[in-house]
Structure formats: C-alpha cells, structure tokens
Amino acid sequence: MPALVSLALDKGLDLLGTTLGQWLPVLFLAAGIAGTWVHRRMRATPPEPPRVRHFTLLRTENADGTPVRYETTRPTGTKITPWVDGRQRLYELTEVQLEDGTYAAEPLDRR
C-alpha cells in the first residue's frame, strides 16, 4: 500500500510540474505586468501636503468686534467645535472664500 501512495504522489507531482511548466512563461509575464502597473501607481504624483487655511467663524465676534478666526489644515466639509463666547459651537468648514481672503465656517447650531 505505501508503494501505491508513493507512486500516486510521484505521478501527481510530475503532472503538476508538467502543467506549471507549460504556463510558467505566462505566469511570469502576468506577474511582470502586474508589478510594473503597481510600481507606476505608487510612483504617481505624491499627494499635496496639507496646507494651513484660515476660516472666519460666521456670526461671531471677538471682544473688539472683529470676527473670530480659526486656523486649521482640515479639509472642507469637516465639522469643528471651537470655543466661542465661553461655550462650544458646531461649525462646518466651507470652500466659500470671503473678501478678506479667509474661508467661511458656517454655524450648524442655533444660538
């Protein structure tokens, strides 16, 4: 019985080697194409580093009457909760640029 198992394994491994032998160039070609594609995707232009942007918190004032400013590197659409007038208020950062060069932060909560 062990001789039959050994013979079957030899035949099976031989068949496997023959099958892989025929497809080995195709396998190497596919691996090379996939590797080149992955390498090119990784070398693509690096992402832009986050930049500091200045936001004006709408409907707020400092003690001197100027609008409250908020500085962050977070993207637009982000919700923030800065302290204004002694309590936290909810704002959303927007792409709307104001005439002073800052961007608008819209209040989401009601006073």
PDB file of N, CA and C in Angstrom:
ATOM      1  N   MET A   1       0.810  -1.196   0.000  1.00  0.00           N
ATOM      2  CA  MET A   1       0.000   0.000   0.000  1.00  0.00           C
ATOM      3  C   MET A   1       0.857   1.266   0.000  1.00  0.00           C
ATOM      4  N   PRO A   2       1.901   1.393   0.855  1.00  0.00           N
ATOM      5  CA  PRO A   2       2.726   2.600   0.826  1.00  0.00           C
ATOM      6  C   PRO A   2       3.373   2.816  -0.542  1.00  0.00           C
ATOM      7  N   ALA A   3       3.639   1.739  -1.273  1.00  0.00           N
ATOM      8  CA  ALA A   3       4.243   1.888  -2.596  1.00  0.00           C
ATOM      9  C   ALA A   3       3.262   2.543  -3.551  1.00  0.00           C
ATOM     10  N   LEU A   4       1.970   2.189  -3.441  1.00  0.00           N
ATOM     11  CA  LEU A   4       0.954   2.795  -4.307  1.00  0.00           C
ATOM     12  C   LEU A   4       0.794   4.289  -4.004  1.00  0.00           C
ATOM     13  N   VAL A   5       0.850   4.648  -2.708  1.00  0.00           N
ATOM     14  CA  VAL A   5       0.744   6.058  -2.324  1.00  0.00           C
ATOM     15  C   VAL A   5       1.930   6.833  -2.865  1.00  0.00           C
ATOM     16  N   SER A   6       3.114   6.232  -2.742  1.00  0.00           N
ATOM     17  CA  SER A   6       4.316   6.895  -3.250  1.00  0.00           C
ATOM     18  C   SER A   6       4.243   7.066  -4.761  1.00  0.00           C
ATOM     19  N   LEU A   7       3.789   6.044  -5.480  1.00  0.00           N
ATOM     20  CA  LEU A   7       3.660   6.114  -6.930  1.00  0.00           C
ATOM     21  C   LEU A   7       2.643   7.181  -7.336  1.00  0.00           C
ATOM     22  N   ALA A   8       1.507   7.239  -6.599  1.00  0.00           N
ATOM     23  CA  ALA A   8       0.475   8.233  -6.898  1.00  0.00           C
ATOM     24  C   ALA A   8       1.001   9.650  -6.659  1.00  0.00           C
ATOM     25  N   LEU A   9       1.761   9.836  -5.576  1.00  0.00           N
ATOM     26  CA  LEU A   9       2.328  11.153  -5.305  1.00  0.00           C
ATOM     27  C   LEU A   9       3.332  11.539  -6.380  1.00  0.00           C
ATOM     28  N   ASP A  10       4.164  10.578  -6.794  1.00  0.00           N
ATOM     29  CA  ASP A  10       5.137  10.870  -7.854  1.00  0.00           C
ATOM     30  C   ASP A  10       4.431  11.279  -9.135  1.00  0.00           C
ATOM     31  N   LYS A  11       3.385  10.560  -9.502  1.00  0.00           N
ATOM     32  CA  LYS A  11       2.642  10.872 -10.726  1.00  0.00           C
ATOM     33  C   LYS A  11       1.947  12.228 -10.600  1.00  0.00           C
ATOM     34  N   GLY A  12       1.383  12.474  -9.407  1.00  0.00           N
ATOM     35  CA  GLY A  12       0.691  13.745  -9.186  1.00  0.00           C
ATOM     36  C   GLY A  12       1.642  14.931  -9.251  1.00  0.00           C
ATOM     37  N   LEU A  13       2.805  14.802  -8.618  1.00  0.00           N
ATOM     38  CA  LEU A  13       3.786  15.882  -8.652  1.00  0.00           C
ATOM     39  C   LEU A  13       4.354  16.055 -10.050  1.00  0.00           C
ATOM     40  N   ASP A  14       4.521  14.951 -10.752  1.00  0.00           N
ATOM     41  CA  ASP A  14       5.017  15.030 -12.123  1.00  0.00           C
ATOM     42  C   ASP A  14       4.000  15.745 -13.007  1.00  0.00           C
ATOM     43  N   LEU A  15       2.717  15.428 -12.838  1.00  0.00           N
ATOM     44  CA  LEU A  15       1.665  16.077 -13.601  1.00  0.00           C
ATOM     45  C   LEU A  15       1.600  17.570 -13.266  1.00  0.00           C
ATOM     46  N   LEU A  16       1.770  17.900 -11.969  1.00  0.00           N
ATOM     47  CA  LEU A  16       1.758  19.298 -11.541  1.00  0.00           C
ATOM     48  C   LEU A  16       2.932  20.053 -12.157  1.00  0.00           C
ATOM     49  N   GLY A  17       4.111  19.452 -12.161  1.00  0.00           N
ATOM     50  CA  GLY A  17       5.283  20.084 -12.763  1.00  0.00           C
ATOM     51  C   GLY A  17       5.109  20.299 -14.252  1.00  0.00           C
ATOM     52  N   THR A  18       4.522  19.361 -14.927  1.00  0.00           N
ATOM     53  CA  THR A  18       4.292  19.483 -16.364  1.00  0.00           C
ATOM     54  C   THR A  18       3.296  20.604 -16.647  1.00  0.00           C
ATOM     55  N   THR A  19       2.238  20.673 -15.855  1.00  0.00           N
ATOM     56  CA  THR A  19       1.230  21.713 -16.048  1.00  0.00           C
ATOM     57  C   THR A  19       1.817  23.095 -15.785  1.00  0.00           C
ATOM     58  N   LEU A  20       2.560  23.247 -14.687  1.00  0.00           N
ATOM     59  CA  LEU A  20       3.179  24.530 -14.392  1.00  0.00           C
ATOM     60  C   LEU A  20       4.242  24.876 -15.423  1.00  0.00           C
ATOM     61  N   GLY A  21       4.934  23.878 -15.899  1.00  0.00           N
ATOM     62  CA  GLY A  21       5.983  24.115 -16.895  1.00  0.00           C
ATOM     63  C   GLY A  21       5.426  24.762 -18.153  1.00  0.00           C
ATOM     64  N   GLN A  22       4.238  24.385 -18.566  1.00  0.00           N
ATOM     65  CA  GLN A  22       3.643  24.963 -19.768  1.00  0.00           C
ATOM     66  C   GLN A  22       3.176  26.395 -19.530  1.00  0.00           C
ATOM     67  N   TRP A  23       2.698  26.700 -18.324  1.00  0.00           N
ATOM     68  CA  TRP A  23       2.132  28.017 -18.044  1.00  0.00           C
ATOM     69  C   TRP A  23       3.111  28.948 -17.339  1.00  0.00           C
ATOM     70  N   LEU A  24       4.319  28.465 -17.058  1.00  0.00           N
ATOM     71  CA  LEU A  24       5.282  29.283 -16.322  1.00  0.00           C
ATOM     72  C   LEU A  24       5.633  30.589 -17.046  1.00  0.00           C
ATOM     73  N   PRO A  25       5.895  30.601 -18.357  1.00  0.00           N
ATOM     74  CA  PRO A  25       6.176  31.892 -19.021  1.00  0.00           C
ATOM     75  C   PRO A  25       4.986  32.865 -18.948  1.00  0.00           C
ATOM     76  N   VAL A  26       3.776  32.339 -19.077  1.00  0.00           N
ATOM     77  CA  VAL A  26       2.589  33.192 -18.986  1.00  0.00           C
ATOM     78  C   VAL A  26       2.465  33.766 -17.585  1.00  0.00           C
ATOM     79  N   LEU A  27       2.748  32.931 -16.573  1.00  0.00           N
ATOM     80  CA  LEU A  27       2.688  33.379 -15.183  1.00  0.00           C
ATOM     81  C   LEU A  27       3.709  34.481 -14.928  1.00  0.00           C
ATOM     82  N   PHE A  28       4.938  34.318 -15.418  1.00  0.00           N
ATOM     83  CA  PHE A  28       5.967  35.351 -15.256  1.00  0.00           C
ATOM     84  C   PHE A  28       5.597  36.633 -15.979  1.00  0.00           C
ATOM     85  N   LEU A  29       5.028  36.523 -17.163  1.00  0.00           N
ATOM     86  CA  LEU A  29       4.614  37.693 -17.914  1.00  0.00           C
ATOM     87  C   LEU A  29       3.512  38.453 -17.169  1.00  0.00           C
ATOM     88  N   ALA A  30       2.529  37.732 -16.672  1.00  0.00           N
ATOM     89  CA  ALA A  30       1.443  38.370 -15.922  1.00  0.00           C
ATOM     90  C   ALA A  30       1.979  39.026 -14.648  1.00  0.00           C
ATOM     91  N   ALA A  31       2.883  38.359 -13.944  1.00  0.00           N
ATOM     92  CA  ALA A  31       3.468  38.929 -12.728  1.00  0.00           C
ATOM     93  C   ALA A  31       4.281  40.181 -13.059  1.00  0.00           C
ATOM     94  N   GLY A  32       4.999  40.167 -14.168  1.00  0.00           N
ATOM     95  CA  GLY A  32       5.773  41.346 -14.576  1.00  0.00           C
ATOM     96  C   GLY A  32       4.883  42.525 -14.919  1.00  0.00           C
ATOM     97  N   ILE A  33       3.801  42.270 -15.637  1.00  0.00           N
ATOM     98  CA  ILE A  33       2.865  43.343 -15.991  1.00  0.00           C
ATOM     99  C   ILE A  33       2.208  43.911 -14.735  1.00  0.00           C
ATOM    100  N   ALA A  34       1.774  43.033 -13.838  1.00  0.00           N
ATOM    101  CA  ALA A  34       1.147  43.486 -12.594  1.00  0.00           C
ATOM    102  C   ALA A  34       2.141  44.274 -11.739  1.00  0.00           C
ATOM    103  N   GLY A  35       3.369  43.817 -11.653  1.00  0.00           N
ATOM    104  CA  GLY A  35       4.398  44.527 -10.880  1.00  0.00           C
ATOM    105  C   GLY A  35       4.693  45.901 -11.452  1.00  0.00           C
ATOM    106  N   THR A  36       4.776  45.994 -12.777  1.00  0.00           N
ATOM    107  CA  THR A  36       5.010  47.295 -13.424  1.00  0.00           C
ATOM    108  C   THR A  36       3.853  48.240 -13.160  1.00  0.00           C
ATOM    109  N   TRP A  37       2.622  47.737 -13.261  1.00  0.00           N
ATOM    110  CA  TRP A  37       1.443  48.569 -13.026  1.00  0.00           C
ATOM    111  C   TRP A  37       1.425  49.096 -11.590  1.00  0.00           C
ATOM    112  N   VAL A  38       1.706  48.217 -10.623  1.00  0.00           N
ATOM    113  CA  VAL A  38       1.716  48.627  -9.213  1.00  0.00           C
ATOM    114  C   VAL A  38       2.819  49.657  -8.967  1.00  0.00           C
ATOM    115  N   HIS A  39       3.989  49.434  -9.553  1.00  0.00           N
ATOM    116  CA  HIS A  39       5.111  50.363  -9.374  1.00  0.00           C
ATOM    117  C   HIS A  39       4.775  51.742  -9.924  1.00  0.00           C
ATOM    118  N   ARG A  40       4.162  51.798 -11.084  1.00  0.00           N
ATOM    119  CA  ARG A  40       3.793  53.086 -11.681  1.00  0.00           C
ATOM    120  C   ARG A  40       2.725  53.798 -10.868  1.00  0.00           C
ATOM    121  N   ARG A  41       1.781  53.042 -10.320  1.00  0.00           N
ATOM    122  CA  ARG A  41       0.734  53.658  -9.494  1.00  0.00           C
ATOM    123  C   ARG A  41       1.321  54.244  -8.220  1.00  0.00           C
ATOM    124  N   MET A  42       2.316  53.566  -7.660  1.00  0.00           N
ATOM    125  CA  MET A  42       2.920  54.046  -6.424  1.00  0.00           C
ATOM    126  C   MET A  42       3.806  55.260  -6.687  1.00  0.00           C
ATOM    127  N   ARG A  43       4.369  55.369  -7.887  1.00  0.00           N
ATOM    128  CA  ARG A  43       5.241  56.484  -8.224  1.00  0.00           C
ATOM    129  C   ARG A  43       4.476  57.690  -8.738  1.00  0.00           C
ATOM    130  N   ALA A  44       3.181  57.597  -8.849  1.00  0.00           N
ATOM    131  CA  ALA A  44       2.370  58.707  -9.347  1.00  0.00           C
ATOM    132  C   ALA A  44       2.593  59.934  -8.471  1.00  0.00           C
ATOM    133  N   THR A  45       2.123  61.055  -8.914  1.00  0.00           N
ATOM    134  CA  THR A  45       2.364  62.296  -8.184  1.00  0.00           C
ATOM    135  C   THR A  45       1.966  62.145  -6.719  1.00  0.00           C
ATOM    136  N   PRO A  46       2.853  62.547  -5.830  1.00  0.00           N
ATOM    137  CA  PRO A  46       2.544  62.415  -4.409  1.00  0.00           C
ATOM    138  C   PRO A  46       1.404  63.350  -4.029  1.00  0.00           C
ATOM    139  N   PRO A  47       0.646  62.971  -3.014  1.00  0.00           N
ATOM    140  CA  PRO A  47      -0.468  63.831  -2.599  1.00  0.00           C
ATOM    141  C   PRO A  47       0.045  65.172  -2.084  1.00  0.00           C
ATOM    142  N   GLU A  48      -0.761  66.188  -2.280  1.00  0.00           N
ATOM    143  CA  GLU A  48      -0.399  67.527  -1.830  1.00  0.00           C
ATOM    144  C   GLU A  48      -0.390  67.559  -0.312  1.00  0.00           C
ATOM    145  N   PRO A  49       0.683  68.094   0.294  1.00  0.00           N
ATOM    146  CA  PRO A  49       0.705  68.147   1.754  1.00  0.00           C
ATOM    147  C   PRO A  49      -0.389  69.082   2.259  1.00  0.00           C
ATOM    148  N   PRO A  50      -0.907  68.816   3.438  1.00  0.00           N
ATOM    149  CA  PRO A  50      -1.973  69.677   3.952  1.00  0.00           C
ATOM    150  C   PRO A  50      -1.453  71.098   4.157  1.00  0.00           C
ATOM    151  N   ARG A  51      -2.267  72.060   3.798  1.00  0.00           N
ATOM    152  CA  ARG A  51      -1.866  73.459   3.972  1.00  0.00           C
ATOM    153  C   ARG A  51      -2.761  74.100   5.016  1.00  0.00           C
ATOM    154  N   VAL A  52      -2.217  75.062   5.698  1.00  0.00           N
ATOM    155  CA  VAL A  52      -2.966  75.774   6.724  1.00  0.00           C
ATOM    156  C   VAL A  52      -3.895  76.761   6.030  1.00  0.00           C
ATOM    157  N   ARG A  53      -5.159  76.726   6.411  1.00  0.00           N
ATOM    158  CA  ARG A  53      -6.132  77.668   5.873  1.00  0.00           C
ATOM    159  C   ARG A  53      -6.795  78.399   7.032  1.00  0.00           C
ATOM    160  N   HIS A  54      -7.168  79.636   6.772  1.00  0.00           N
ATOM    161  CA  HIS A  54      -7.785  80.478   7.788  1.00  0.00           C
ATOM    162  C   HIS A  54      -9.277  80.589   7.495  1.00  0.00           C
ATOM    163  N   PHE A  55     -10.081  80.330   8.503  1.00  0.00           N
ATOM    164  CA  PHE A  55     -11.530  80.378   8.380  1.00  0.00           C
ATOM    165  C   PHE A  55     -12.080  81.465   9.293  1.00  0.00           C
ATOM    166  N   THR A  56     -13.120  82.124   8.837  1.00  0.00           N
ATOM    167  CA  THR A  56     -13.844  83.079   9.665  1.00  0.00           C
ATOM    168  C   THR A  56     -15.114  82.381  10.148  1.00  0.00           C
ATOM    169  N   LEU A  57     -15.284  82.338  11.469  1.00  0.00           N
ATOM    170  CA  LEU A  57     -16.482  81.728  12.043  1.00  0.00           C
ATOM    171  C   LEU A  57     -17.615  82.743  11.915  1.00  0.00           C
ATOM    172  N   LEU A  58     -18.562  82.459  11.038  1.00  0.00           N
ATOM    173  CA  LEU A  58     -19.642  83.397  10.783  1.00  0.00           C
ATOM    174  C   LEU A  58     -20.521  83.574  12.017  1.00  0.00           C
ATOM    175  N   ARG A  59     -21.083  84.779  12.152  1.00  0.00           N
ATOM    176  CA  ARG A  59     -21.949  85.160  13.273  1.00  0.00           C
ATOM    177  C   ARG A  59     -21.232  85.107  14.625  1.00  0.00           C
ATOM    178  N   THR A  60     -19.946  85.460  14.641  1.00  0.00           N
ATOM    179  CA  THR A  60     -19.198  85.535  15.902  1.00  0.00           C
ATOM    180  C   THR A  60     -18.397  86.824  15.919  1.00  0.00           C
ATOM    181  N   GLU A  61     -18.069  87.288  17.111  1.00  0.00           N
ATOM    182  CA  GLU A  61     -17.243  88.481  17.270  1.00  0.00           C
ATOM    183  C   GLU A  61     -16.334  88.319  18.475  1.00  0.00           C
ATOM    184  N   ASN A  62     -15.114  88.872  18.335  1.00  0.00           N
ATOM    185  CA  ASN A  62     -14.204  88.973  19.476  1.00  0.00           C
ATOM    186  C   ASN A  62     -14.649  90.151  20.336  1.00  0.00           C
ATOM    187  N   ALA A  63     -13.968  90.368  21.438  1.00  0.00           N
ATOM    188  CA  ALA A  63     -14.300  91.481  22.330  1.00  0.00           C
ATOM    189  C   ALA A  63     -14.146  92.827  21.626  1.00  0.00           C
ATOM    190  N   ASP A  64     -13.222  92.916  20.658  1.00  0.00           N
ATOM    191  CA  ASP A  64     -13.002  94.181  19.950  1.00  0.00           C
ATOM    192  C   ASP A  64     -13.918  94.343  18.736  1.00  0.00           C
ATOM    193  N   GLY A  65     -14.820  93.383  18.497  1.00  0.00           N
ATOM    194  CA  GLY A  65     -15.791  93.494  17.409  1.00  0.00           C
ATOM    195  C   GLY A  65     -15.371  92.850  16.102  1.00  0.00           C
ATOM    196  N   THR A  66     -14.156  92.298  16.035  1.00  0.00           N
ATOM    197  CA  THR A  66     -13.713  91.625  14.812  1.00  0.00           C
ATOM    198  C   THR A  66     -14.227  90.190  14.803  1.00  0.00           C
ATOM    199  N   PRO A  67     -14.411  89.611  13.613  1.00  0.00           N
ATOM    200  CA  PRO A  67     -14.882  88.216  13.553  1.00  0.00           C
ATOM    201  C   PRO A  67     -13.837  87.250  14.116  1.00  0.00           C
ATOM    202  N   VAL A  68     -14.312  86.144  14.660  1.00  0.00           N
ATOM    203  CA  VAL A  68     -13.419  85.117  15.209  1.00  0.00           C
ATOM    204  C   VAL A  68     -12.828  84.334  14.055  1.00  0.00           C
ATOM    205  N   ARG A  69     -11.516  84.130  14.084  1.00  0.00           N
ATOM    206  CA  ARG A  69     -10.810  83.381  13.044  1.00  0.00           C
ATOM    207  C   ARG A  69     -10.425  82.006  13.590  1.00  0.00           C
ATOM    208  N   TYR A  70     -10.342  81.031  12.700  1.00  0.00           N
ATOM    209  CA  TYR A  70      -9.974  79.661  13.070  1.00  0.00           C
ATOM    210  C   TYR A  70      -8.972  79.165  12.039  1.00  0.00           C
ATOM    211  N   GLU A  71      -7.866  78.623  12.482  1.00  0.00           N
ATOM    212  CA  GLU A  71      -6.799  78.170  11.596  1.00  0.00           C
ATOM    213  C   GLU A  71      -6.697  76.647  11.687  1.00  0.00           C
ATOM    214  N   THR A  72      -6.681  75.968  10.514  1.00  0.00           N
ATOM    215  CA  THR A  72      -6.632  74.504  10.522  1.00  0.00           C
ATOM    216  C   THR A  72      -6.105  73.980   9.192  1.00  0.00           C
ATOM    217  N   THR A  73      -5.710  72.716   9.187  1.00  0.00           N
ATOM    218  CA  THR A  73      -5.315  72.024   7.953  1.00  0.00           C
ATOM    219  C   THR A  73      -6.383  71.035   7.513  1.00  0.00           C
ATOM    220  N   ARG A  74      -7.491  70.993   8.207  1.00  0.00           N
ATOM    221  CA  ARG A  74      -8.549  70.035   7.873  1.00  0.00           C
ATOM    222  C   ARG A  74      -9.240  70.414   6.574  1.00  0.00           C
ATOM    223  N   PRO A  75      -9.772  69.431   5.837  1.00  0.00           N
ATOM    224  CA  PRO A  75     -10.425  69.724   4.551  1.00  0.00           C
ATOM    225  C   PRO A  75     -11.810  70.329   4.735  1.00  0.00           C
ATOM    226  N   THR A  76     -12.314  70.927   3.662  1.00  0.00           N
ATOM    227  CA  THR A  76     -13.658  71.482   3.723  1.00  0.00           C
ATOM    228  C   THR A  76     -14.667  70.356   3.925  1.00  0.00           C
ATOM    229  N   GLY A  77     -15.789  70.695   4.527  1.00  0.00           N
ATOM    230  CA  GLY A  77     -16.794  69.691   4.849  1.00  0.00           C
ATOM    231  C   GLY A  77     -16.622  69.128   6.247  1.00  0.00           C
ATOM    232  N   THR A  78     -15.476  69.411   6.876  1.00  0.00           N
ATOM    233  CA  THR A  78     -15.208  68.930   8.229  1.00  0.00           C
ATOM    234  C   THR A  78     -16.019  69.748   9.224  1.00  0.00           C
ATOM    235  N   LYS A  79     -16.534  69.092  10.226  1.00  0.00           N
ATOM    236  CA  LYS A  79     -17.270  69.778  11.288  1.00  0.00           C
ATOM    237  C   LYS A  79     -16.319  69.989  12.467  1.00  0.00           C
ATOM    238  N   ILE A  80     -16.318  71.204  12.983  1.00  0.00           N
ATOM    239  CA  ILE A  80     -15.439  71.563  14.099  1.00  0.00           C
ATOM    240  C   ILE A  80     -16.291  72.107  15.242  1.00  0.00           C
ATOM    241  N   THR A  81     -15.742  72.072  16.458  1.00  0.00           N
ATOM    242  CA  THR A  81     -16.455  72.599  17.630  1.00  0.00           C
ATOM    243  C   THR A  81     -15.514  73.482  18.456  1.00  0.00           C
ATOM    244  N   PRO A  82     -15.219  74.689  17.970  1.00  0.00           N
ATOM    245  CA  PRO A  82     -14.360  75.588  18.756  1.00  0.00           C
ATOM    246  C   PRO A  82     -15.133  76.261  19.882  1.00  0.00           C
ATOM    247  N   TRP A  83     -14.392  76.772  20.846  1.00  0.00           N
ATOM    248  CA  TRP A  83     -14.998  77.504  21.955  1.00  0.00           C
ATOM    249  C   TRP A  83     -15.239  78.939  21.505  1.00  0.00           C
ATOM    250  N   VAL A  84     -16.491  79.377  21.577  1.00  0.00           N
ATOM    251  CA  VAL A  84     -16.863  80.743  21.221  1.00  0.00           C
ATOM    252  C   VAL A  84     -17.767  81.271  22.330  1.00  0.00           C
ATOM    253  N   ASP A  85     -17.428  82.432  22.871  1.00  0.00           N
ATOM    254  CA  ASP A  85     -18.215  83.061  23.938  1.00  0.00           C
ATOM    255  C   ASP A  85     -18.422  82.123  25.131  1.00  0.00           C
ATOM    256  N   GLY A  86     -17.398  81.376  25.473  1.00  0.00           N
ATOM    257  CA  GLY A  86     -17.459  80.528  26.662  1.00  0.00           C
ATOM    258  C   GLY A  86     -18.151  79.190  26.491  1.00  0.00           C
ATOM    259  N   ARG A  87     -18.548  78.844  25.269  1.00  0.00           N
ATOM    260  CA  ARG A  87     -19.157  77.521  25.060  1.00  0.00           C
ATOM    261  C   ARG A  87     -18.758  76.998  23.676  1.00  0.00           C
ATOM    262  N   GLN A  88     -18.877  75.690  23.509  1.00  0.00           N
ATOM    263  CA  GLN A  88     -18.540  75.093  22.222  1.00  0.00           C
ATOM    264  C   GLN A  88     -19.697  75.241  21.252  1.00  0.00           C
ATOM    265  N   ARG A  89     -19.357  75.598  20.012  1.00  0.00           N
ATOM    266  CA  ARG A  89     -20.365  75.722  18.962  1.00  0.00           C
ATOM    267  C   ARG A  89     -19.936  74.867  17.784  1.00  0.00           C
ATOM    268  N   LEU A  90     -20.896  74.388  17.030  1.00  0.00           N
ATOM    269  CA  LEU A  90     -20.641  73.494  15.901  1.00  0.00           C
ATOM    270  C   LEU A  90     -20.600  74.290  14.599  1.00  0.00           C
ATOM    271  N   TYR A  91     -19.510  74.105  13.825  1.00  0.00           N
ATOM    272  CA  TYR A  91     -19.336  74.776  12.538  1.00  0.00           C
ATOM    273  C   TYR A  91     -18.925  73.759  11.486  1.00  0.00           C
ATOM    274  N   GLU A  92     -19.189  74.093  10.238  1.00  0.00           N
ATOM    275  CA  GLU A  92     -18.731  73.280   9.110  1.00  0.00           C
ATOM    276  C   GLU A  92     -17.835  74.149   8.233  1.00  0.00           C
ATOM    277  N   LEU A  93     -16.649  73.623   7.891  1.00  0.00           N
ATOM    278  CA  LEU A  93     -15.707  74.359   7.050  1.00  0.00           C
ATOM    279  C   LEU A  93     -16.181  74.297   5.601  1.00  0.00           C
ATOM    280  N   THR A  94     -16.151  75.455   4.905  1.00  0.00           N
ATOM    281  CA  THR A  94     -16.638  75.515   3.522  1.00  0.00           C
ATOM    282  C   THR A  94     -15.547  76.008   2.578  1.00  0.00           C
ATOM    283  N   GLU A  95     -15.817  75.939   1.282  1.00  0.00           N
ATOM    284  CA  GLU A  95     -14.917  76.432   0.237  1.00  0.00           C
ATOM    285  C   GLU A  95     -15.176  77.894  -0.090  1.00  0.00           C
ATOM    286  N   VAL A  96     -16.170  78.507   0.516  1.00  0.00           N
ATOM    287  CA  VAL A  96     -16.542  79.886   0.197  1.00  0.00           C
ATOM    288  C   VAL A  96     -15.461  80.823   0.714  1.00  0.00           C
ATOM    289  N   GLN A  97     -14.845  81.559  -0.218  1.00  0.00           N
ATOM    290  CA  GLN A  97     -13.790  82.486   0.172  1.00  0.00           C
ATOM    291  C   GLN A  97     -14.395  83.882   0.352  1.00  0.00           C
ATOM    292  N   LEU A  98     -14.070  84.487   1.485  1.00  0.00           N
ATOM    293  CA  LEU A  98     -14.580  85.813   1.805  1.00  0.00           C
ATOM    294  C   LEU A  98     -13.658  86.877   1.224  1.00  0.00           C
ATOM    295  N   GLU A  99     -14.103  88.123   1.252  1.00  0.00           N
ATOM    296  CA  GLU A  99     -13.329  89.199   0.631  1.00  0.00           C
ATOM    297  C   GLU A  99     -12.017  89.480   1.350  1.00  0.00           C
ATOM    298  N   ASP A 100     -11.881  89.085   2.618  1.00  0.00           N
ATOM    299  CA  ASP A 100     -10.612  89.291   3.332  1.00  0.00           C
ATOM    300  C   ASP A 100      -9.618  88.150   3.081  1.00  0.00           C
ATOM    301  N   GLY A 101      -9.983  87.172   2.236  1.00  0.00           N
ATOM    302  CA  GLY A 101      -9.072  86.078   1.891  1.00  0.00           C
ATOM    303  C   GLY A 101      -9.249  84.831   2.731  1.00  0.00           C
ATOM    304  N   THR A 102     -10.036  84.908   3.797  1.00  0.00           N
ATOM    305  CA  THR A 102     -10.280  83.724   4.615  1.00  0.00           C
ATOM    306  C   THR A 102     -11.475  82.967   4.040  1.00  0.00           C
ATOM    307  N   TYR A 103     -11.674  81.771   4.533  1.00  0.00           N
ATOM    308  CA  TYR A 103     -12.798  80.948   4.104  1.00  0.00           C
ATOM    309  C   TYR A 103     -13.886  80.988   5.183  1.00  0.00           C
ATOM    310  N   ALA A 104     -15.116  80.747   4.780  1.00  0.00           N
ATOM    311  CA  ALA A 104     -16.237  80.812   5.712  1.00  0.00           C
ATOM    312  C   ALA A 104     -16.418  79.480   6.434  1.00  0.00           C
ATOM    313  N   ALA A 105     -16.713  79.569   7.721  1.00  0.00           N
ATOM    314  CA  ALA A 105     -17.104  78.412   8.523  1.00  0.00           C
ATOM    315  C   ALA A 105     -18.542  78.658   8.957  1.00  0.00           C
ATOM    316  N   GLU A 106     -19.450  77.857   8.427  1.00  0.00           N
ATOM    317  CA  GLU A 106     -20.889  78.045   8.669  1.00  0.00           C
ATOM    318  C   GLU A 106     -21.299  77.469  10.023  1.00  0.00           C
ATOM    319  N   PRO A 107     -22.053  78.228  10.817  1.00  0.00           N
ATOM    320  CA  PRO A 107     -22.552  77.668  12.081  1.00  0.00           C
ATOM    321  C   PRO A 107     -23.662  76.655  11.813  1.00  0.00           C
ATOM    322  N   LEU A 108     -23.620  75.539  12.509  1.00  0.00           N
ATOM    323  CA  LEU A 108     -24.636  74.498  12.341  1.00  0.00           C
ATOM    324  C   LEU A 108     -25.621  74.451  13.501  1.00  0.00           C
ATOM    325  N   ASP A 109     -25.210  74.990  14.635  1.00  0.00           N
ATOM    326  CA  ASP A 109     -26.140  75.021  15.768  1.00  0.00           C
ATOM    327  C   ASP A 109     -26.780  76.406  15.853  1.00  0.00           C
ATOM    328  N   ARG A 110     -27.922  76.466  16.458  1.00  0.00           N
ATOM    329  CA  ARG A 110     -28.627  77.738  16.603  1.00  0.00           C
ATOM    330  C   ARG A 110     -28.362  78.295  17.984  1.00  0.00           C
ATOM    331  N   ARG A 111     -28.243  79.596  18.066  1.00  0.00           N
ATOM    332  CA  ARG A 111     -27.956  80.224  19.363  1.00  0.00           C
ATOM    333  C   ARG A 111     -29.107  80.146  20.289  1.00  0.00           C
TER     334      ARG A 111
END
